[in-house]
Amino acid sequence: MIGIEACGGAHHGARELIKPGHEVVLLNARYVKRFVVGNKNDFNDAQAIWDAVTRPNIRVVAIKTLEQQDIQLIHTVRQSPVDQRTAPVNQIRCLLSERGIGRCG
């Protein structure tokens, strides 16, 4: 069994490790953080992942397929221009609000 903290690249790594027949468990980083003892470093992180994986009722993250990651990529790329459009509009609205025109928020 291989335990991996879910982060960037973890889904790809998990899929690659499954190919030769390994059992892979992706763990939510917030769940693993509770098991870290001492300062954050590679050894303590590995120990925390091992402690979390060996628990009886672990909460795992489903390993995404390539297609699921492609859909997530499309949503993320689409959201970026929406955010870039919304930010200056909100900034102007708040600046005008400071001068008594309209309201912010």
PDB file of N, CA and C in Angstrom:
ATOM      1  N   MET A   1       0.856  -1.172   0.000  1.00  0.00           N
ATOM      2  CA  MET A   1       0.000   0.000   0.000  1.00  0.00           C
ATOM      3  C   MET A   1       0.903   1.237   0.000  1.00  0.00           C
ATOM      4  N   ILE A   2       0.561   2.191  -0.854  1.00  0.00           N
ATOM      5  CA  ILE A   2       1.304   3.446  -0.941  1.00  0.00           C
ATOM      6  C   ILE A   2       0.353   4.578  -0.588  1.00  0.00           C
ATOM      7  N   GLY A   3       0.717   5.344   0.413  1.00  0.00           N
ATOM      8  CA  GLY A   3      -0.076   6.497   0.815  1.00  0.00           C
ATOM      9  C   GLY A   3       0.530   7.760   0.235  1.00  0.00           C
ATOM     10  N   ILE A   4      -0.321   8.610  -0.343  1.00  0.00           N
ATOM     11  CA  ILE A   4       0.135   9.867  -0.933  1.00  0.00           C
ATOM     12  C   ILE A   4      -0.779  10.978  -0.441  1.00  0.00           C
ATOM     13  N   GLU A   5      -0.168  12.092  -0.068  1.00  0.00           N
ATOM     14  CA  GLU A   5      -0.939  13.269   0.293  1.00  0.00           C
ATOM     15  C   GLU A   5      -1.441  13.909  -0.994  1.00  0.00           C
ATOM     16  N   ALA A   6      -2.739  14.144  -1.085  1.00  0.00           N
ATOM     17  CA  ALA A   6      -3.335  14.704  -2.302  1.00  0.00           C
ATOM     18  C   ALA A   6      -2.831  16.129  -2.507  1.00  0.00           C
ATOM     19  N   CYS A   7      -2.164  16.341  -3.629  1.00  0.00           N
ATOM     20  CA  CYS A   7      -1.627  17.661  -3.973  1.00  0.00           C
ATOM     21  C   CYS A   7      -1.422  17.676  -5.490  1.00  0.00           C
ATOM     22  N   GLY A   8      -0.823  18.730  -5.996  1.00  0.00           N
ATOM     23  CA  GLY A   8      -0.578  18.807  -7.430  1.00  0.00           C
ATOM     24  C   GLY A   8       0.270  17.632  -7.908  1.00  0.00           C
ATOM     25  N   GLY A   9      -0.185  16.958  -8.920  1.00  0.00           N
ATOM     26  CA  GLY A   9       0.543  15.819  -9.468  1.00  0.00           C
ATOM     27  C   GLY A   9       0.254  14.490  -8.787  1.00  0.00           C
ATOM     28  N   ALA A  10      -0.468  14.514  -7.674  1.00  0.00           N
ATOM     29  CA  ALA A  10      -0.725  13.279  -6.925  1.00  0.00           C
ATOM     30  C   ALA A  10      -1.601  12.314  -7.710  1.00  0.00           C
ATOM     31  N   HIS A  11      -2.576  12.830  -8.453  1.00  0.00           N
ATOM     32  CA  HIS A  11      -3.473  11.948  -9.202  1.00  0.00           C
ATOM     33  C   HIS A  11      -2.710  11.249 -10.328  1.00  0.00           C
ATOM     34  N   HIS A  12      -1.834  11.994 -11.003  1.00  0.00           N
ATOM     35  CA  HIS A  12      -1.022  11.387 -12.058  1.00  0.00           C
ATOM     36  C   HIS A  12      -0.098  10.326 -11.456  1.00  0.00           C
ATOM     37  N   GLY A  13       0.572  10.679 -10.357  1.00  0.00           N
ATOM     38  CA  GLY A  13       1.461   9.732  -9.695  1.00  0.00           C
ATOM     39  C   GLY A  13       0.723   8.483  -9.246  1.00  0.00           C
ATOM     40  N   ALA A  14      -0.474   8.668  -8.713  1.00  0.00           N
ATOM     41  CA  ALA A  14      -1.269   7.525  -8.250  1.00  0.00           C
ATOM     42  C   ALA A  14      -1.633   6.609  -9.419  1.00  0.00           C
ATOM     43  N   ARG A  15      -2.043   7.211 -10.546  1.00  0.00           N
ATOM     44  CA  ARG A  15      -2.387   6.392 -11.726  1.00  0.00           C
ATOM     45  C   ARG A  15      -1.176   5.603 -12.216  1.00  0.00           C
ATOM     46  N   GLU A  16      -0.001   6.234 -12.182  1.00  0.00           N
ATOM     47  CA  GLU A  16       1.212   5.545 -12.626  1.00  0.00           C
ATOM     48  C   GLU A  16       1.581   4.406 -11.681  1.00  0.00           C
ATOM     49  N   LEU A  17       1.367   4.585 -10.387  1.00  0.00           N
ATOM     50  CA  LEU A  17       1.688   3.538  -9.417  1.00  0.00           C
ATOM     51  C   LEU A  17       0.680   2.394  -9.454  1.00  0.00           C
ATOM     52  N   ILE A  18      -0.537   2.676  -9.889  1.00  0.00           N
ATOM     53  CA  ILE A  18      -1.558   1.628  -9.993  1.00  0.00           C
ATOM     54  C   ILE A  18      -1.248   0.691 -11.165  1.00  0.00           C
ATOM     55  N   LYS A  19      -0.659   1.241 -12.231  1.00  0.00           N
ATOM     56  CA  LYS A  19      -0.372   0.429 -13.431  1.00  0.00           C
ATOM     57  C   LYS A  19       0.399  -0.847 -13.118  1.00  0.00           C
ATOM     58  N   PRO A  20       1.487  -0.807 -12.326  1.00  0.00           N
ATOM     59  CA  PRO A  20       2.188  -2.055 -12.020  1.00  0.00           C
ATOM     60  C   PRO A  20       1.522  -2.890 -10.935  1.00  0.00           C
ATOM     61  N   GLY A  21       0.384  -2.413 -10.396  1.00  0.00           N
ATOM     62  CA  GLY A  21      -0.370  -3.219  -9.450  1.00  0.00           C
ATOM     63  C   GLY A  21      -0.319  -2.776  -8.006  1.00  0.00           C
ATOM     64  N   HIS A  22       0.251  -1.615  -7.721  1.00  0.00           N
ATOM     65  CA  HIS A  22       0.298  -1.130  -6.336  1.00  0.00           C
ATOM     66  C   HIS A  22      -1.077  -0.642  -5.899  1.00  0.00           C
ATOM     67  N   GLU A  23      -1.339  -0.757  -4.608  1.00  0.00           N
ATOM     68  CA  GLU A  23      -2.549  -0.175  -4.028  1.00  0.00           C
ATOM     69  C   GLU A  23      -2.182   1.227  -3.556  1.00  0.00           C
ATOM     70  N   VAL A  24      -2.884   2.227  -4.074  1.00  0.00           N
ATOM     71  CA  VAL A  24      -2.564   3.620  -3.761  1.00  0.00           C
ATOM     72  C   VAL A  24      -3.726   4.258  -3.026  1.00  0.00           C
ATOM     73  N   VAL A  25      -3.403   4.994  -1.968  1.00  0.00           N
ATOM     74  CA  VAL A  25      -4.408   5.700  -1.186  1.00  0.00           C
ATOM     75  C   VAL A  25      -4.034   7.177  -1.181  1.00  0.00           C
ATOM     76  N   LEU A  26      -4.930   8.021  -1.696  1.00  0.00           N
ATOM     77  CA  LEU A  26      -4.731   9.469  -1.646  1.00  0.00           C
ATOM     78  C   LEU A  26      -5.435   9.999  -0.407  1.00  0.00           C
ATOM     79  N   LEU A  27      -4.717  10.806   0.355  1.00  0.00           N
ATOM     80  CA  LEU A  27      -5.264  11.352   1.588  1.00  0.00           C
ATOM     81  C   LEU A  27      -5.372  12.865   1.495  1.00  0.00           C
ATOM     82  N   ASN A  28      -6.449  13.403   2.026  1.00  0.00           N
ATOM     83  CA  ASN A  28      -6.637  14.846   2.078  1.00  0.00           C
ATOM     84  C   ASN A  28      -5.540  15.442   2.959  1.00  0.00           C
ATOM     85  N   ALA A  29      -4.914  16.527   2.492  1.00  0.00           N
ATOM     86  CA  ALA A  29      -3.807  17.149   3.223  1.00  0.00           C
ATOM     87  C   ALA A  29      -4.244  17.614   4.615  1.00  0.00           C
ATOM     88  N   ARG A  30      -5.474  18.097   4.745  1.00  0.00           N
ATOM     89  CA  ARG A  30      -5.970  18.541   6.051  1.00  0.00           C
ATOM     90  C   ARG A  30      -6.063  17.370   7.030  1.00  0.00           C
ATOM     91  N   TYR A  31      -6.408  16.199   6.508  1.00  0.00           N
ATOM     92  CA  TYR A  31      -6.509  15.013   7.355  1.00  0.00           C
ATOM     93  C   TYR A  31      -5.115  14.585   7.819  1.00  0.00           C
ATOM     94  N   VAL A  32      -4.149  14.628   6.921  1.00  0.00           N
ATOM     95  CA  VAL A  32      -2.786  14.212   7.249  1.00  0.00           C
ATOM     96  C   VAL A  32      -2.156  15.184   8.247  1.00  0.00           C
ATOM     97  N   LYS A  33      -2.462  16.461   8.126  1.00  0.00           N
ATOM     98  CA  LYS A  33      -1.854  17.488   8.974  1.00  0.00           C
ATOM     99  C   LYS A  33      -2.067  17.196  10.454  1.00  0.00           C
ATOM    100  N   ARG A  34      -3.191  16.595  10.786  1.00  0.00           N
ATOM    101  CA  ARG A  34      -3.482  16.272  12.194  1.00  0.00           C
ATOM    102  C   ARG A  34      -2.499  15.269  12.781  1.00  0.00           C
ATOM    103  N   PHE A  35      -1.822  14.504  11.912  1.00  0.00           N
ATOM    104  CA  PHE A  35      -0.908  13.465  12.380  1.00  0.00           C
ATOM    105  C   PHE A  35       0.546  13.907  12.403  1.00  0.00           C
ATOM    106  N   VAL A  36       0.832  15.120  11.921  1.00  0.00           N
ATOM    107  CA  VAL A  36       2.213  15.607  11.899  1.00  0.00           C
ATOM    108  C   VAL A  36       2.645  15.950  13.316  1.00  0.00           C
ATOM    109  N   VAL A  37       3.777  15.378  13.718  1.00  0.00           N
ATOM    110  CA  VAL A  37       4.351  15.649  15.033  1.00  0.00           C
ATOM    111  C   VAL A  37       5.637  16.430  14.816  1.00  0.00           C
ATOM    112  N   GLY A  38       5.743  17.578  15.443  1.00  0.00           N
ATOM    113  CA  GLY A  38       6.946  18.395  15.295  1.00  0.00           C
ATOM    114  C   GLY A  38       6.851  19.306  14.085  1.00  0.00           C
ATOM    115  N   ASN A  39       7.994  19.808  13.667  1.00  0.00           N
ATOM    116  CA  ASN A  39       8.049  20.721  12.534  1.00  0.00           C
ATOM    117  C   ASN A  39       7.780  19.979  11.229  1.00  0.00           C
ATOM    118  N   LYS A  40       7.322  20.722  10.238  1.00  0.00           N
ATOM    119  CA  LYS A  40       7.016  20.131   8.946  1.00  0.00           C
ATOM    120  C   LYS A  40       8.320  19.880   8.186  1.00  0.00           C
ATOM    121  N   ASN A  41       8.589  18.623   7.908  1.00  0.00           N
ATOM    122  CA  ASN A  41       9.712  18.231   7.060  1.00  0.00           C
ATOM    123  C   ASN A  41       9.356  16.909   6.402  1.00  0.00           C
ATOM    124  N   ASP A  42      10.175  16.440   5.492  1.00  0.00           N
ATOM    125  CA  ASP A  42       9.838  15.227   4.739  1.00  0.00           C
ATOM    126  C   ASP A  42       9.657  14.017   5.639  1.00  0.00           C
ATOM    127  N   PHE A  43      10.534  13.848   6.620  1.00  0.00           N
ATOM    128  CA  PHE A  43      10.431  12.684   7.500  1.00  0.00           C
ATOM    129  C   PHE A  43       9.129  12.728   8.294  1.00  0.00           C
ATOM    130  N   ASN A  44       8.825  13.873   8.896  1.00  0.00           N
ATOM    131  CA  ASN A  44       7.592  13.986   9.697  1.00  0.00           C
ATOM    132  C   ASN A  44       6.351  13.856   8.827  1.00  0.00           C
ATOM    133  N   ASP A  45       6.399  14.384   7.597  1.00  0.00           N
ATOM    134  CA  ASP A  45       5.274  14.230   6.674  1.00  0.00           C
ATOM    135  C   ASP A  45       5.061  12.760   6.324  1.00  0.00           C
ATOM    136  N   ALA A  46       6.154  12.051   6.039  1.00  0.00           N
ATOM    137  CA  ALA A  46       6.044  10.625   5.709  1.00  0.00           C
ATOM    138  C   ALA A  46       5.476   9.839   6.890  1.00  0.00           C
ATOM    139  N   GLN A  47       5.924  10.171   8.090  1.00  0.00           N
ATOM    140  CA  GLN A  47       5.407   9.505   9.291  1.00  0.00           C
ATOM    141  C   GLN A  47       3.921   9.792   9.464  1.00  0.00           C
ATOM    142  N   ALA A  48       3.500  11.028   9.216  1.00  0.00           N
ATOM    143  CA  ALA A  48       2.093  11.403   9.352  1.00  0.00           C
ATOM    144  C   ALA A  48       1.234  10.682   8.322  1.00  0.00           C
ATOM    145  N   ILE A  49       1.729  10.576   7.089  1.00  0.00           N
ATOM    146  CA  ILE A  49       0.986   9.855   6.050  1.00  0.00           C
ATOM    147  C   ILE A  49       0.845   8.385   6.445  1.00  0.00           C
ATOM    148  N   TRP A  50       1.930   7.795   6.945  1.00  0.00           N
ATOM    149  CA  TRP A  50       1.867   6.396   7.372  1.00  0.00           C
ATOM    150  C   TRP A  50       0.866   6.231   8.517  1.00  0.00           C
ATOM    151  N   ASP A  51       0.914   7.136   9.487  1.00  0.00           N
ATOM    152  CA  ASP A  51      -0.033   7.064  10.608  1.00  0.00           C
ATOM    153  C   ASP A  51      -1.473   7.181  10.105  1.00  0.00           C
ATOM    154  N   ALA A  52      -1.716   8.085   9.166  1.00  0.00           N
ATOM    155  CA  ALA A  52      -3.069   8.296   8.643  1.00  0.00           C
ATOM    156  C   ALA A  52      -3.542   7.094   7.832  1.00  0.00           C
ATOM    157  N   VAL A  53      -2.659   6.538   6.997  1.00  0.00           N
ATOM    158  CA  VAL A  53      -3.039   5.400   6.140  1.00  0.00           C
ATOM    159  C   VAL A  53      -3.375   4.171   6.963  1.00  0.00           C
ATOM    160  N   THR A  54      -2.695   3.986   8.078  1.00  0.00           N
ATOM    161  CA  THR A  54      -2.911   2.779   8.879  1.00  0.00           C
ATOM    162  C   THR A  54      -4.091   2.894   9.841  1.00  0.00           C
ATOM    163  N   ARG A  55      -4.763   4.026   9.861  1.00  0.00           N
ATOM    164  CA  ARG A  55      -5.959   4.180  10.686  1.00  0.00           C
ATOM    165  C   ARG A  55      -7.096   3.354  10.090  1.00  0.00           C
ATOM    166  N   PRO A  56      -8.001   2.851  10.934  1.00  0.00           N
ATOM    167  CA  PRO A  56      -9.082   2.005  10.412  1.00  0.00           C
ATOM    168  C   PRO A  56     -10.110   2.759   9.562  1.00  0.00           C
ATOM    169  N   ASN A  57     -10.467   3.966   9.925  1.00  0.00           N
ATOM    170  CA  ASN A  57     -11.511   4.708   9.199  1.00  0.00           C
ATOM    171  C   ASN A  57     -10.921   5.936   8.523  1.00  0.00           C
ATOM    172  N   ILE A  58     -10.057   5.712   7.560  1.00  0.00           N
ATOM    173  CA  ILE A  58      -9.412   6.843   6.899  1.00  0.00           C
ATOM    174  C   ILE A  58     -10.327   7.433   5.840  1.00  0.00           C
ATOM    175  N   ARG A  59     -10.207   8.743   5.660  1.00  0.00           N
ATOM    176  CA  ARG A  59     -10.955   9.426   4.600  1.00  0.00           C
ATOM    177  C   ARG A  59     -10.024   9.578   3.410  1.00  0.00           C
ATOM    178  N   VAL A  60     -10.379   8.938   2.328  1.00  0.00           N
ATOM    179  CA  VAL A  60      -9.515   8.967   1.156  1.00  0.00           C
ATOM    180  C   VAL A  60     -10.078   9.909   0.098  1.00  0.00           C
ATOM    181  N   VAL A  61      -9.198  10.348  -0.795  1.00  0.00           N
ATOM    182  CA  VAL A  61      -9.572  11.168  -1.936  1.00  0.00           C
ATOM    183  C   VAL A  61      -9.608  10.243  -3.142  1.00  0.00           C
ATOM    184  N   ALA A  62     -10.689  10.303  -3.903  1.00  0.00           N
ATOM    185  CA  ALA A  62     -10.801   9.458  -5.088  1.00  0.00           C
ATOM    186  C   ALA A  62      -9.751   9.888  -6.114  1.00  0.00           C
ATOM    187  N   ILE A  63      -9.110   8.917  -6.726  1.00  0.00           N
ATOM    188  CA  ILE A  63      -8.106   9.205  -7.746  1.00  0.00           C
ATOM    189  C   ILE A  63      -8.833   9.587  -9.028  1.00  0.00           C
ATOM    190  N   LYS A  64      -8.534  10.778  -9.538  1.00  0.00           N
ATOM    191  CA  LYS A  64      -9.214  11.278 -10.731  1.00  0.00           C
ATOM    192  C   LYS A  64      -8.650  10.630 -11.982  1.00  0.00           C
ATOM    193  N   THR A  65      -9.555  10.361 -12.920  1.00  0.00           N
ATOM    194  CA  THR A  65      -9.126   9.880 -14.228  1.00  0.00           C
ATOM    195  C   THR A  65      -8.584  11.066 -15.018  1.00  0.00           C
ATOM    196  N   LEU A  66      -7.918  10.775 -16.109  1.00  0.00           N
ATOM    197  CA  LEU A  66      -7.402  11.832 -16.966  1.00  0.00           C
ATOM    198  C   LEU A  66      -8.546  12.694 -17.491  1.00  0.00           C
ATOM    199  N   GLU A  67      -9.686  12.070 -17.819  1.00  0.00           N
ATOM    200  CA  GLU A  67     -10.843  12.804 -18.321  1.00  0.00           C
ATOM    201  C   GLU A  67     -11.399  13.749 -17.249  1.00  0.00           C
ATOM    202  N   GLN A  68     -11.453  13.298 -16.009  1.00  0.00           N
ATOM    203  CA  GLN A  68     -11.927  14.156 -14.920  1.00  0.00           C
ATOM    204  C   GLN A  68     -10.997  15.345 -14.727  1.00  0.00           C
ATOM    205  N   GLN A  69      -9.699  15.111 -14.846  1.00  0.00           N
ATOM    206  CA  GLN A  69      -8.751  16.212 -14.714  1.00  0.00           C
ATOM    207  C   GLN A  69      -8.866  17.188 -15.882  1.00  0.00           C
ATOM    208  N   ASP A  70      -9.166  16.680 -17.083  1.00  0.00           N
ATOM    209  CA  ASP A  70      -9.360  17.553 -18.246  1.00  0.00           C
ATOM    210  C   ASP A  70     -10.559  18.473 -18.032  1.00  0.00           C
ATOM    211  N   ILE A  71     -11.653  17.923 -17.505  1.00  0.00           N
ATOM    212  CA  ILE A  71     -12.847  18.731 -17.228  1.00  0.00           C
ATOM    213  C   ILE A  71     -12.529  19.791 -16.179  1.00  0.00           C
ATOM    214  N   GLN A  72     -11.793  19.407 -15.130  1.00  0.00           N
ATOM    215  CA  GLN A  72     -11.413  20.366 -14.092  1.00  0.00           C
ATOM    216  C   GLN A  72     -10.536  21.462 -14.686  1.00  0.00           C
ATOM    217  N   LEU A  73      -9.638  21.104 -15.586  1.00  0.00           N
ATOM    218  CA  LEU A  73      -8.769  22.080 -16.247  1.00  0.00           C
ATOM    219  C   LEU A  73      -9.588  23.092 -17.032  1.00  0.00           C
ATOM    220  N   ILE A  74     -10.584  22.618 -17.772  1.00  0.00           N
ATOM    221  CA  ILE A  74     -11.446  23.514 -18.552  1.00  0.00           C
ATOM    222  C   ILE A  74     -12.158  24.500 -17.629  1.00  0.00           C
ATOM    223  N   HIS A  75     -12.697  24.004 -16.520  1.00  0.00           N
ATOM    224  CA  HIS A  75     -13.394  24.885 -15.570  1.00  0.00           C
ATOM    225  C   HIS A  75     -12.440  25.908 -14.964  1.00  0.00           C
ATOM    226  N   THR A  76     -11.223  25.472 -14.635  1.00  0.00           N
ATOM    227  CA  THR A  76     -10.240  26.374 -14.036  1.00  0.00           C
ATOM    228  C   THR A  76      -9.816  27.453 -15.024  1.00  0.00           C
ATOM    229  N   VAL A  77      -9.565  27.060 -16.274  1.00  0.00           N
ATOM    230  CA  VAL A  77      -9.147  28.021 -17.294  1.00  0.00           C
ATOM    231  C   VAL A  77     -10.269  29.010 -17.579  1.00  0.00           C
ATOM    232  N   ARG A  78     -11.515  28.544 -17.599  1.00  0.00           N
ATOM    233  CA  ARG A  78     -12.646  29.425 -17.848  1.00  0.00           C
ATOM    234  C   ARG A  78     -12.855  30.406 -16.702  1.00  0.00           C
ATOM    235  N   GLN A  79     -12.620  29.961 -15.466  1.00  0.00           N
ATOM    236  CA  GLN A  79     -12.854  30.803 -14.303  1.00  0.00           C
ATOM    237  C   GLN A  79     -11.875  31.976 -14.240  1.00  0.00           C
ATOM    238  N   SER A  80     -10.667  31.804 -14.748  1.00  0.00           N
ATOM    239  CA  SER A  80      -9.652  32.851 -14.671  1.00  0.00           C
ATOM    240  C   SER A  80     -10.097  34.167 -15.319  1.00  0.00           C
ATOM    241  N   PRO A  81     -10.568  34.183 -16.587  1.00  0.00           N
ATOM    242  CA  PRO A  81     -11.009  35.466 -17.147  1.00  0.00           C
ATOM    243  C   PRO A  81     -12.249  36.031 -16.451  1.00  0.00           C
ATOM    244  N   VAL A  82     -13.100  35.164 -15.920  1.00  0.00           N
ATOM    245  CA  VAL A  82     -14.272  35.643 -15.171  1.00  0.00           C
ATOM    246  C   VAL A  82     -13.797  36.410 -13.939  1.00  0.00           C
ATOM    247  N   ASP A  83     -12.824  35.843 -13.221  1.00  0.00           N
ATOM    248  CA  ASP A  83     -12.280  36.517 -12.033  1.00  0.00           C
ATOM    249  C   ASP A  83     -11.578  37.813 -12.418  1.00  0.00           C
ATOM    250  N   GLN A  84     -10.839  37.789 -13.531  1.00  0.00           N
ATOM    251  CA  GLN A  84     -10.118  38.989 -13.974  1.00  0.00           C
ATOM    252  C   GLN A  84     -11.088  40.096 -14.392  1.00  0.00           C
ATOM    253  N   ARG A  85     -12.245  39.719 -14.860  1.00  0.00           N
ATOM    254  CA  ARG A  85     -13.257  40.711 -15.225  1.00  0.00           C
ATOM    255  C   ARG A  85     -13.960  41.254 -13.980  1.00  0.00           C
ATOM    256  N   THR A  86     -14.244  40.389 -13.035  1.00  0.00           N
ATOM    257  CA  THR A  86     -15.004  40.760 -11.850  1.00  0.00           C
ATOM    258  C   THR A  86     -14.190  41.638 -10.897  1.00  0.00           C
ATOM    259  N   ALA A  87     -12.910  41.368 -10.743  1.00  0.00           N
ATOM    260  CA  ALA A  87     -12.081  42.094  -9.772  1.00  0.00           C
ATOM    261  C   ALA A  87     -12.065  43.599 -10.017  1.00  0.00           C
ATOM    262  N   PRO A  88     -11.781  44.088 -11.246  1.00  0.00           N
ATOM    263  CA  PRO A  88     -11.763  45.544 -11.421  1.00  0.00           C
ATOM    264  C   PRO A  88     -13.152  46.181 -11.261  1.00  0.00           C
ATOM    265  N   VAL A  89     -14.195  45.456 -11.645  1.00  0.00           N
ATOM    266  CA  VAL A  89     -15.551  45.989 -11.461  1.00  0.00           C
ATOM    267  C   VAL A  89     -15.825  46.190  -9.977  1.00  0.00           C
ATOM    268  N   ASN A  90     -15.471  45.209  -9.154  1.00  0.00           N
ATOM    269  CA  ASN A  90     -15.674  45.339  -7.702  1.00  0.00           C
ATOM    270  C   ASN A  90     -14.803  46.451  -7.122  1.00  0.00           C
ATOM    271  N   GLN A  91     -13.575  46.580  -7.630  1.00  0.00           N
ATOM    272  CA  GLN A  91     -12.680  47.624  -7.136  1.00  0.00           C
ATOM    273  C   GLN A  91     -13.246  49.014  -7.445  1.00  0.00           C
ATOM    274  N   ILE A  92     -13.730  49.213  -8.659  1.00  0.00           N
ATOM    275  CA  ILE A  92     -14.326  50.505  -9.039  1.00  0.00           C
ATOM    276  C   ILE A  92     -15.559  50.778  -8.198  1.00  0.00           C
ATOM    277  N   ARG A  93     -16.391  49.758  -7.992  1.00  0.00           N
ATOM    278  CA  ARG A  93     -17.601  49.917  -7.185  1.00  0.00           C
ATOM    279  C   ARG A  93     -17.245  50.379  -5.768  1.00  0.00           C
ATOM    280  N   CYS A  94     -16.215  49.790  -5.173  1.00  0.00           N
ATOM    281  CA  CYS A  94     -15.818  50.169  -3.811  1.00  0.00           C
ATOM    282  C   CYS A  94     -15.179  51.557  -3.770  1.00  0.00           C
ATOM    283  N   LEU A  95     -14.396  51.898  -4.800  1.00  0.00           N
ATOM    284  CA  LEU A  95     -13.804  53.233  -4.857  1.00  0.00           C
ATOM    285  C   LEU A  95     -14.893  54.302  -4.973  1.00  0.00           C
ATOM    286  N   LEU A  96     -15.909  54.038  -5.780  1.00  0.00           N
ATOM    287  CA  LEU A  96     -17.026  54.974  -5.898  1.00  0.00           C
ATOM    288  C   LEU A  96     -17.804  55.074  -4.586  1.00  0.00           C
ATOM    289  N   SER A  97     -17.924  53.934  -3.894  1.00  0.00           N
ATOM    290  CA  SER A  97     -18.633  53.912  -2.612  1.00  0.00           C
ATOM    291  C   SER A  97     -17.938  54.808  -1.593  1.00  0.00           C
ATOM    292  N   GLU A  98     -16.589  54.859  -1.636  1.00  0.00           N
ATOM    293  CA  GLU A  98     -15.847  55.714  -0.716  1.00  0.00           C
ATOM    294  C   GLU A  98     -16.143  57.190  -0.964  1.00  0.00           C
ATOM    295  N   ARG A  99     -16.641  57.502  -2.144  1.00  0.00           N
ATOM    296  CA  ARG A  99     -16.995  58.888  -2.481  1.00  0.00           C
ATOM    297  C   ARG A  99     -18.503  59.115  -2.407  1.00  0.00           C
ATOM    298  N   GLY A 100     -19.213  58.146  -1.826  1.00  0.00           N
ATOM    299  CA  GLY A 100     -20.647  58.311  -1.620  1.00  0.00           C
ATOM    300  C   GLY A 100     -21.506  57.930  -2.806  1.00  0.00           C
ATOM    301  N   ILE A 101     -20.943  57.270  -3.806  1.00  0.00           N
ATOM    302  CA  ILE A 101     -21.710  56.880  -4.994  1.00  0.00           C
ATOM    303  C   ILE A 101     -21.919  55.357  -4.925  1.00  0.00           C
ATOM    304  N   GLY A 102     -23.142  54.932  -4.778  1.00  0.00           N
ATOM    305  CA  GLY A 102     -23.434  53.503  -4.722  1.00  0.00           C
ATOM    306  C   GLY A 102     -22.982  52.900  -3.394  1.00  0.00           C
ATOM    307  N   ARG A 103     -22.776  51.597  -3.414  1.00  0.00           N
ATOM    308  CA  ARG A 103     -22.316  50.926  -2.197  1.00  0.00           C
ATOM    309  C   ARG A 103     -21.369  49.792  -2.563  1.00  0.00           C
ATOM    310  N   CYS A 104     -20.507  49.448  -1.651  1.00  0.00           N
ATOM    311  CA  CYS A 104     -19.513  48.398  -1.875  1.00  0.00           C
ATOM    312  C   CYS A 104     -20.046  47.088  -1.303  1.00  0.00           C
ATOM    313  N   GLY A 105     -19.842  45.997  -2.068  1.00  0.00           N
ATOM    314  CA  GLY A 105     -20.217  44.687  -1.556  1.00  0.00           C
ATOM    315  C   GLY A 105     -21.448  44.208  -2.092  1.00  0.00           C
TER     316      GLY A 105
END
